[in-house]
Amino acid sequence: MTTHVTIIGAGLGGLTLARVLHVHGIPATIYEAEASPMARLQGGMLDIHDYNGQLALKEADLIDEFRAIILEGRQTTRVLDRDGTVLMEEPDDGTGGRPEVQRGELRQILLDSLPAGTVRWGHKVSGVRALGDGRHEVGFGDGGSIVTDLLVGADGAWSRVRPLLSDAVPEYFGRSFVETYLYDSETRHPVAARTVGGGSLFVLPPDSRASGKWIGAHRESGETLHAYVTLARPLEWFDRIDFTDAAAATARIAAEFDGWAPEITALITDSDTAPVVRPFNSLPIGHRWDRVPGATLLGDAAHLSPPDGEGANLAMQDAAELGRAIADRPDDIEAALTSYEEALFPRSAKAAADAVATNDAIGQDLIGFFARDGQTA
């Protein structure tokens, strides 16, 4: 019987796993490379879905805490053409199954739900090696190490745990986000604020797929507009831009949208932050591995895909199902891991295929892009 679980990575997946285990009386320790919970900005908004992410939060006994941080009205969705023409608009009538929350607030709920000391901050993994009999040694950048009987890689795209189980390496998907932020939008950027509206904005001209460019934005809390400028360009194209020169980089990205309505391009040119590139990377669709005693993966470490709004939800779902599997079979951990992976592989393969199809559909089938399982994005 295992008495302790070692988790690498304090993202939403790793934290959800630790919380579900805690609910079932199983101790866990999370090792995280970042120095503290506030070491960096924790991303923007997330839509947490009623068919996976919310189910995970119920398993973690945190659904009431989750509901308390929902940003009302943020499921409102607008789709514009490049000239500002409204192509589609859906209000938030309160019945949608994808309420929006700030990632940082959700992460804090999970952190607050764990016993003190569960997360060991400032532990960057330098390597992992098998010791036999399902035991593994995890080495850290400071020279320290630990030995564990059950190791879970929840450490994202460039997982240090994944090489124990698989030779797969993420590859560039051919697109990147360039992120910008506009603060105090109602007073300082009123035109952009009106353009984004009350929730999500997608500027998706019908030729978006052919041109390889579109713009998305969210209205976050505190009158913040968070924009995602998407370009289908090789990594070398972005490498030729000096992103240390914010003005020059902004001008270069904005030039790609020459002729678009100024109220739309203002999301680039009026940014209060320097533009930041976020490449899309992915693992092969259907990524799987043979059962390795004492180790498994969840979230992006297991099934990294191009973004389609499912990543955080899937990581939390993985974590909840793994935690429940361990709790159901504490005397036979290998059977628990086998059961978890048998469900994980087909589910994640379908999700990855759907993510690729969603990205390919942009600019071709707007209604299909937004409608999933009868829900509006």
Foldseek 3Di string as FASTA:
>chain_A
DFQEAEEEDLALLRLLLQLLLVVLVHHYAYEYQAQDLVSDAQDFKAFAFPVFQLVLCVSSVCNVVVVVFFDPFQLWEWEAALALHTPDTDTCPPPFGTTMGTRSSVSVSSVVSHPPRRYDYNFAWPAKDDPDPQKIWTAGPVGDIDIHNAYEYAPAQQTRQLVVFDPWHWDFPQKKWWKFKDAPCVPPPVLLDVSCDRHKYKHFALCCLVQQWIKIWTQGPRRMIMITTMGRHDPVVVVVFDLVPQQRNLVVSLVSSPPGHPSVSCRRNVGPDRIDMGTQIWTDQLQDGDQDRRYDYAFNSGTRAGDQSCRSSRSSNLSSQLSVLCSVCVPCNSVSVVVSRVVVRVVSNVVRVVRVVLVSCGSPDVVVNQADPNGGD
